[in-house]
Amino acid sequence: MNSIKVKKAELIEAMEKNRKEHRATFLEAQGKFRTEVIKVLDEELQAAKVGRPFVLARITALVQPSDHTDDYDRIIGMLKMDTSDTVELIQQEYKCWVEDDWGWMGQFANQVSNYGVSSAKLARYTNQ
């Protein structure tokens, strides 16, 4: 089967659910990332103030989680602009849009796991 037709309203609903989950995961990880950056900056600043060696690489080694909300927004926007009641999806679109399995998902899962953030959906991409 090369493609399927789906009800556009159901597809939008699935996309909005996936977007909401992604955004919440990103915001949680982003908050923990910022906390870690501040902690490392404070530690290195204290070392510098008292004349101890400090390591700037500790700061640059922190990986900022990437936000892919715009990927969801773009597709949702396109679907809302479409005038038909059904949409034809190829396998790759179904994988991304319905199953929420994007090409960037493994990298995102690893980024957020650095800050103790995960979910059952993301766990399959990490060694946790």
N, C-alpha and C. Protein backbone atom coordinates (compact mmCIF):
# COMPACT_ATOMS: atom_id res chain seq x y z
N MET A 1 0.86 -1.17 0.00
CA MET A 1 0.00 0.00 0.00
C MET A 1 0.91 1.23 0.00
N ASN A 2 0.77 2.06 -1.01
CA ASN A 2 1.62 3.24 -1.14
C ASN A 2 1.06 4.46 -0.42
N SER A 3 -0.27 4.53 -0.30
CA SER A 3 -0.88 5.68 0.36
C SER A 3 -2.25 5.30 0.90
N ILE A 4 -2.73 6.15 1.81
CA ILE A 4 -4.08 5.97 2.36
C ILE A 4 -4.76 7.33 2.40
N LYS A 5 -6.08 7.29 2.45
CA LYS A 5 -6.84 8.52 2.66
C LYS A 5 -7.33 8.53 4.09
N VAL A 6 -7.18 9.69 4.72
CA VAL A 6 -7.60 9.84 6.11
C VAL A 6 -8.51 11.06 6.22
N LYS A 7 -9.34 11.05 7.24
CA LYS A 7 -10.18 12.22 7.49
C LYS A 7 -9.29 13.35 8.00
N LYS A 8 -9.41 14.47 7.34
CA LYS A 8 -8.55 15.61 7.68
C LYS A 8 -8.73 16.02 9.13
N ALA A 9 -9.94 16.05 9.64
CA ALA A 9 -10.19 16.47 11.02
C ALA A 9 -9.48 15.55 12.01
N GLU A 10 -9.47 14.25 11.74
CA GLU A 10 -8.80 13.30 12.62
C GLU A 10 -7.28 13.47 12.54
N LEU A 11 -6.78 13.77 11.37
CA LEU A 11 -5.36 13.99 11.20
C LEU A 11 -4.92 15.26 11.95
N ILE A 12 -5.70 16.31 11.84
CA ILE A 12 -5.39 17.55 12.57
C ILE A 12 -5.40 17.28 14.07
N GLU A 13 -6.37 16.52 14.53
CA GLU A 13 -6.47 16.18 15.96
C GLU A 13 -5.22 15.42 16.42
N ALA A 14 -4.78 14.45 15.62
CA ALA A 14 -3.57 13.68 15.96
C ALA A 14 -2.34 14.58 15.97
N MET A 15 -2.24 15.46 14.98
CA MET A 15 -1.11 16.37 14.89
C MET A 15 -1.08 17.34 16.07
N GLU A 16 -2.24 17.85 16.46
CA GLU A 16 -2.30 18.79 17.58
C GLU A 16 -1.94 18.10 18.89
N LYS A 17 -2.34 16.84 19.06
CA LYS A 17 -1.96 16.07 20.25
C LYS A 17 -0.46 15.87 20.28
N ASN A 18 0.12 15.46 19.15
CA ASN A 18 1.56 15.24 19.07
C ASN A 18 2.34 16.53 19.32
N ARG A 19 1.82 17.63 18.77
CA ARG A 19 2.46 18.94 18.96
C ARG A 19 2.47 19.32 20.43
N LYS A 20 1.34 19.14 21.09
CA LYS A 20 1.21 19.49 22.50
C LYS A 20 2.21 18.69 23.34
N GLU A 21 2.33 17.40 23.07
CA GLU A 21 3.27 16.55 23.80
C GLU A 21 4.71 16.99 23.54
N HIS A 22 5.03 17.26 22.28
CA HIS A 22 6.39 17.70 21.94
C HIS A 22 6.72 19.00 22.64
N ARG A 23 5.82 19.95 22.58
CA ARG A 23 6.06 21.27 23.17
C ARG A 23 6.27 21.17 24.67
N ALA A 24 5.44 20.36 25.35
CA ALA A 24 5.57 20.19 26.79
C ALA A 24 6.92 19.54 27.13
N THR A 25 7.32 18.55 26.38
CA THR A 25 8.60 17.89 26.60
C THR A 25 9.74 18.87 26.37
N PHE A 26 9.67 19.63 25.29
CA PHE A 26 10.70 20.62 25.00
C PHE A 26 10.80 21.65 26.12
N LEU A 27 9.67 22.20 26.55
CA LEU A 27 9.69 23.24 27.58
C LEU A 27 10.25 22.72 28.90
N GLU A 28 9.92 21.49 29.26
CA GLU A 28 10.46 20.90 30.48
C GLU A 28 11.98 20.76 30.36
N ALA A 29 12.44 20.23 29.24
CA ALA A 29 13.89 20.05 29.03
C ALA A 29 14.60 21.40 28.95
N GLN A 30 13.97 22.37 28.29
CA GLN A 30 14.57 23.70 28.16
C GLN A 30 14.75 24.35 29.54
N GLY A 31 13.76 24.18 30.39
CA GLY A 31 13.85 24.72 31.75
C GLY A 31 14.99 24.08 32.52
N LYS A 32 15.13 22.77 32.41
CA LYS A 32 16.22 22.08 33.10
C LYS A 32 17.57 22.43 32.49
N PHE A 33 17.61 22.61 31.19
CA PHE A 33 18.84 23.05 30.52
C PHE A 33 19.28 24.40 31.06
N ARG A 34 18.36 25.35 31.14
CA ARG A 34 18.69 26.69 31.65
C ARG A 34 19.18 26.63 33.10
N THR A 35 18.55 25.81 33.91
CA THR A 35 18.99 25.63 35.29
C THR A 35 20.43 25.11 35.33
N GLU A 36 20.72 24.14 34.49
CA GLU A 36 22.07 23.57 34.44
C GLU A 36 23.09 24.59 33.94
N VAL A 37 22.72 25.39 32.94
CA VAL A 37 23.63 26.43 32.44
C VAL A 37 23.96 27.41 33.56
N ILE A 38 22.96 27.85 34.28
CA ILE A 38 23.17 28.80 35.38
C ILE A 38 24.06 28.19 36.45
N LYS A 39 23.83 26.93 36.78
CA LYS A 39 24.64 26.24 37.79
C LYS A 39 26.10 26.18 37.35
N VAL A 40 26.35 25.77 36.12
CA VAL A 40 27.72 25.65 35.62
C VAL A 40 28.37 27.03 35.53
N LEU A 41 27.65 28.02 35.04
CA LEU A 41 28.19 29.38 34.98
C LEU A 41 28.58 29.89 36.37
N ASP A 42 27.71 29.66 37.35
CA ASP A 42 27.99 30.09 38.72
C ASP A 42 29.25 29.40 39.25
N GLU A 43 29.37 28.09 39.03
CA GLU A 43 30.54 27.35 39.51
C GLU A 43 31.82 27.87 38.86
N GLU A 44 31.77 28.09 37.56
CA GLU A 44 32.97 28.55 36.86
C GLU A 44 33.29 30.01 37.22
N LEU A 45 32.27 30.81 37.43
CA LEU A 45 32.49 32.19 37.86
C LEU A 45 33.14 32.23 39.24
N GLN A 46 32.67 31.40 40.14
CA GLN A 46 33.27 31.34 41.47
C GLN A 46 34.73 30.93 41.39
N ALA A 47 35.03 29.94 40.54
CA ALA A 47 36.42 29.50 40.36
C ALA A 47 37.28 30.66 39.85
N ALA A 48 36.75 31.39 38.89
CA ALA A 48 37.51 32.51 38.31
C ALA A 48 37.73 33.61 39.35
N LYS A 49 36.72 33.88 40.16
CA LYS A 49 36.82 34.95 41.17
C LYS A 49 37.89 34.67 42.21
N VAL A 50 38.06 33.41 42.57
CA VAL A 50 39.04 33.07 43.61
C VAL A 50 40.38 32.65 43.02
N GLY A 51 40.52 32.77 41.72
CA GLY A 51 41.80 32.48 41.08
C GLY A 51 42.05 31.03 40.74
N ARG A 52 41.06 30.19 40.89
CA ARG A 52 41.21 28.78 40.50
C ARG A 52 41.01 28.66 39.00
N PRO A 53 41.56 27.61 38.42
CA PRO A 53 41.32 27.39 36.98
C PRO A 53 39.82 27.19 36.73
N PHE A 54 39.35 27.69 35.63
CA PHE A 54 37.95 27.48 35.26
C PHE A 54 37.90 26.88 33.86
N VAL A 55 36.80 26.19 33.58
CA VAL A 55 36.69 25.43 32.34
C VAL A 55 35.48 25.92 31.55
N LEU A 56 35.74 26.75 30.56
CA LEU A 56 34.64 27.25 29.72
C LEU A 56 33.99 26.13 28.92
N ALA A 57 34.73 25.08 28.65
CA ALA A 57 34.19 23.97 27.87
C ALA A 57 33.01 23.30 28.57
N ARG A 58 32.94 23.41 29.89
CA ARG A 58 31.78 22.84 30.60
C ARG A 58 30.49 23.50 30.15
N ILE A 59 30.57 24.78 29.85
CA ILE A 59 29.38 25.52 29.43
C ILE A 59 29.00 25.15 28.00
N THR A 60 29.98 25.16 27.13
CA THR A 60 29.69 24.87 25.71
C THR A 60 29.36 23.40 25.48
N ALA A 61 29.69 22.53 26.44
CA ALA A 61 29.37 21.11 26.30
C ALA A 61 27.90 20.82 26.56
N LEU A 62 27.21 21.75 27.21
CA LEU A 62 25.78 21.55 27.48
C LEU A 62 25.00 21.65 26.17
N VAL A 63 24.17 20.66 25.92
CA VAL A 63 23.42 20.60 24.67
C VAL A 63 22.02 21.16 24.88
N GLN A 64 21.71 22.20 24.15
CA GLN A 64 20.39 22.81 24.25
C GLN A 64 19.38 21.97 23.48
N PRO A 65 18.25 21.64 24.10
CA PRO A 65 17.22 20.90 23.38
C PRO A 65 16.69 21.70 22.19
N SER A 66 16.42 21.01 21.11
CA SER A 66 15.90 21.69 19.92
C SER A 66 14.37 21.64 19.93
N ASP A 67 13.79 22.72 19.48
CA ASP A 67 12.33 22.85 19.44
C ASP A 67 11.85 22.63 18.01
N HIS A 68 11.01 21.63 17.83
CA HIS A 68 10.49 21.32 16.51
C HIS A 68 9.00 21.65 16.39
N THR A 69 8.52 22.51 17.27
CA THR A 69 7.10 22.88 17.25
C THR A 69 6.70 23.43 15.88
N ASP A 70 7.61 24.15 15.24
CA ASP A 70 7.27 24.72 13.94
C ASP A 70 7.02 23.65 12.88
N ASP A 71 7.62 22.47 13.02
CA ASP A 71 7.32 21.37 12.09
C ASP A 71 5.84 20.98 12.19
N TYR A 72 5.36 20.88 13.41
CA TYR A 72 3.95 20.56 13.63
C TYR A 72 3.06 21.70 13.13
N ASP A 73 3.42 22.92 13.48
CA ASP A 73 2.61 24.09 13.11
C ASP A 73 2.48 24.22 11.60
N ARG A 74 3.55 23.95 10.89
CA ARG A 74 3.52 24.05 9.43
C ARG A 74 2.52 23.06 8.83
N ILE A 75 2.58 21.83 9.27
CA ILE A 75 1.68 20.80 8.72
C ILE A 75 0.24 21.08 9.14
N ILE A 76 0.04 21.43 10.40
CA ILE A 76 -1.32 21.74 10.88
C ILE A 76 -1.88 22.92 10.09
N GLY A 77 -1.08 23.94 9.86
CA GLY A 77 -1.52 25.09 9.08
C GLY A 77 -1.89 24.71 7.66
N MET A 78 -1.08 23.87 7.05
CA MET A 78 -1.38 23.42 5.69
C MET A 78 -2.68 22.64 5.66
N LEU A 79 -2.88 21.76 6.64
CA LEU A 79 -4.10 20.96 6.69
C LEU A 79 -5.33 21.84 6.89
N LYS A 80 -5.20 22.85 7.72
CA LYS A 80 -6.34 23.74 7.96
C LYS A 80 -6.67 24.59 6.73
N MET A 81 -5.68 24.86 5.91
CA MET A 81 -5.92 25.64 4.69
C MET A 81 -6.50 24.77 3.57
N ASP A 82 -6.29 23.47 3.65
CA ASP A 82 -6.78 22.56 2.62
C ASP A 82 -8.31 22.54 2.63
N THR A 83 -8.91 22.50 1.46
CA THR A 83 -10.37 22.58 1.36
C THR A 83 -11.07 21.23 1.34
N SER A 84 -10.33 20.15 1.26
CA SER A 84 -10.97 18.83 1.20
C SER A 84 -11.23 18.27 2.60
N ASP A 85 -12.08 17.25 2.65
CA ASP A 85 -12.40 16.60 3.92
C ASP A 85 -11.46 15.45 4.23
N THR A 86 -10.78 14.95 3.20
CA THR A 86 -9.83 13.86 3.39
C THR A 86 -8.48 14.27 2.83
N VAL A 87 -7.45 13.58 3.32
CA VAL A 87 -6.09 13.85 2.88
C VAL A 87 -5.44 12.51 2.56
N GLU A 88 -4.69 12.49 1.49
CA GLU A 88 -3.97 11.27 1.13
C GLU A 88 -2.57 11.35 1.71
N LEU A 89 -2.20 10.30 2.44
CA LEU A 89 -0.89 10.25 3.08
C LEU A 89 -0.08 9.10 2.53
N ILE A 90 1.20 9.36 2.27
CA ILE A 90 2.11 8.28 1.96
C ILE A 90 2.66 7.75 3.29
N GLN A 91 3.35 6.62 3.24
CA GLN A 91 3.83 5.97 4.45
C GLN A 91 4.69 6.89 5.31
N GLN A 92 5.59 7.63 4.72
CA GLN A 92 6.48 8.51 5.50
C GLN A 92 5.69 9.62 6.20
N GLU A 93 4.70 10.17 5.53
CA GLU A 93 3.86 11.20 6.16
C GLU A 93 3.09 10.61 7.33
N TYR A 94 2.55 9.42 7.15
CA TYR A 94 1.83 8.76 8.23
C TYR A 94 2.75 8.52 9.42
N LYS A 95 3.96 8.06 9.14
CA LYS A 95 4.95 7.79 10.19
C LYS A 95 5.23 9.06 11.01
N CYS A 96 5.42 10.17 10.34
CA CYS A 96 5.71 11.43 11.03
C CYS A 96 4.47 12.01 11.69
N TRP A 97 3.45 12.20 10.92
CA TRP A 97 2.30 13.00 11.36
C TRP A 97 1.38 12.27 12.32
N VAL A 98 1.20 10.96 12.13
CA VAL A 98 0.29 10.21 12.99
C VAL A 98 1.05 9.48 14.10
N GLU A 99 2.10 8.75 13.70
CA GLU A 99 2.87 8.00 14.70
C GLU A 99 3.87 8.87 15.45
N ASP A 100 4.04 10.11 15.03
CA ASP A 100 4.96 11.06 15.66
C ASP A 100 6.39 10.53 15.69
N ASP A 101 6.81 10.00 14.56
CA ASP A 101 8.14 9.40 14.42
C ASP A 101 8.87 10.14 13.31
N TRP A 102 9.39 11.31 13.66
CA TRP A 102 10.07 12.19 12.71
C TRP A 102 11.54 11.79 12.59
N GLY A 103 12.19 12.24 11.55
CA GLY A 103 13.60 11.97 11.36
C GLY A 103 14.49 12.53 12.46
N TRP A 104 14.05 13.59 13.11
CA TRP A 104 14.83 14.23 14.18
C TRP A 104 14.53 13.66 15.56
N MET A 105 13.62 12.70 15.66
CA MET A 105 13.14 12.23 16.96
C MET A 105 14.25 11.61 17.82
N GLY A 106 15.16 10.85 17.22
CA GLY A 106 16.24 10.24 17.99
C GLY A 106 17.15 11.28 18.62
N GLN A 107 17.51 12.29 17.83
CA GLN A 107 18.36 13.37 18.34
C GLN A 107 17.65 14.13 19.45
N PHE A 108 16.38 14.43 19.25
CA PHE A 108 15.59 15.14 20.25
C PHE A 108 15.52 14.33 21.55
N ALA A 109 15.26 13.03 21.42
CA ALA A 109 15.17 12.17 22.61
C ALA A 109 16.47 12.18 23.39
N ASN A 110 17.59 12.13 22.69
CA ASN A 110 18.88 12.17 23.37
C ASN A 110 19.13 13.53 24.03
N GLN A 111 18.74 14.60 23.35
CA GLN A 111 18.93 15.93 23.92
C GLN A 111 18.15 16.09 25.22
N VAL A 112 16.88 15.73 25.21
CA VAL A 112 16.07 15.95 26.41
C VAL A 112 16.42 14.97 27.51
N SER A 113 16.91 13.78 27.15
CA SER A 113 17.29 12.81 28.17
C SER A 113 18.51 13.29 28.96
N ASN A 114 19.32 14.18 28.36
CA ASN A 114 20.44 14.78 29.10
C ASN A 114 19.97 15.51 30.34
N TYR A 115 18.71 15.90 30.37
CA TYR A 115 18.16 16.68 31.48
C TYR A 115 17.08 15.90 32.23
N GLY A 116 17.11 14.58 32.08
CA GLY A 116 16.20 13.72 32.82
C GLY A 116 14.77 13.76 32.33
N VAL A 117 14.56 14.17 31.09
CA VAL A 117 13.21 14.25 30.54
C VAL A 117 13.04 13.12 29.53
N SER A 118 11.97 12.38 29.67
CA SER A 118 11.69 11.31 28.72
C SER A 118 10.20 10.98 28.77
N SER A 119 9.82 10.08 27.93
CA SER A 119 8.46 9.57 27.89
C SER A 119 8.54 8.19 27.27
N ALA A 120 7.46 7.46 27.33
CA ALA A 120 7.45 6.14 26.72
C ALA A 120 7.75 6.25 25.22
N LYS A 121 7.23 7.30 24.60
CA LYS A 121 7.44 7.50 23.17
C LYS A 121 8.92 7.75 22.85
N LEU A 122 9.58 8.53 23.68
CA LEU A 122 10.98 8.88 23.44
C LEU A 122 11.94 7.79 23.88
N ALA A 123 11.54 6.96 24.83
CA ALA A 123 12.43 5.93 25.38
C ALA A 123 12.92 4.97 24.31
N ARG A 124 12.15 4.74 23.27
CA ARG A 124 12.58 3.80 22.24
C ARG A 124 13.76 4.33 21.43
N TYR A 125 14.06 5.61 21.55
CA TYR A 125 15.17 6.22 20.79
C TYR A 125 16.45 6.33 21.62
N THR A 126 16.36 6.07 22.92
CA THR A 126 17.52 6.20 23.80
C THR A 126 17.84 4.85 24.41
N ASN A 127 18.93 4.79 25.11
CA ASN A 127 19.34 3.54 25.76
C ASN A 127 18.80 3.42 27.18
N GLN A 128 17.77 4.18 27.48
CA GLN A 128 17.22 4.15 28.85
C GLN A 128 16.31 2.97 29.04
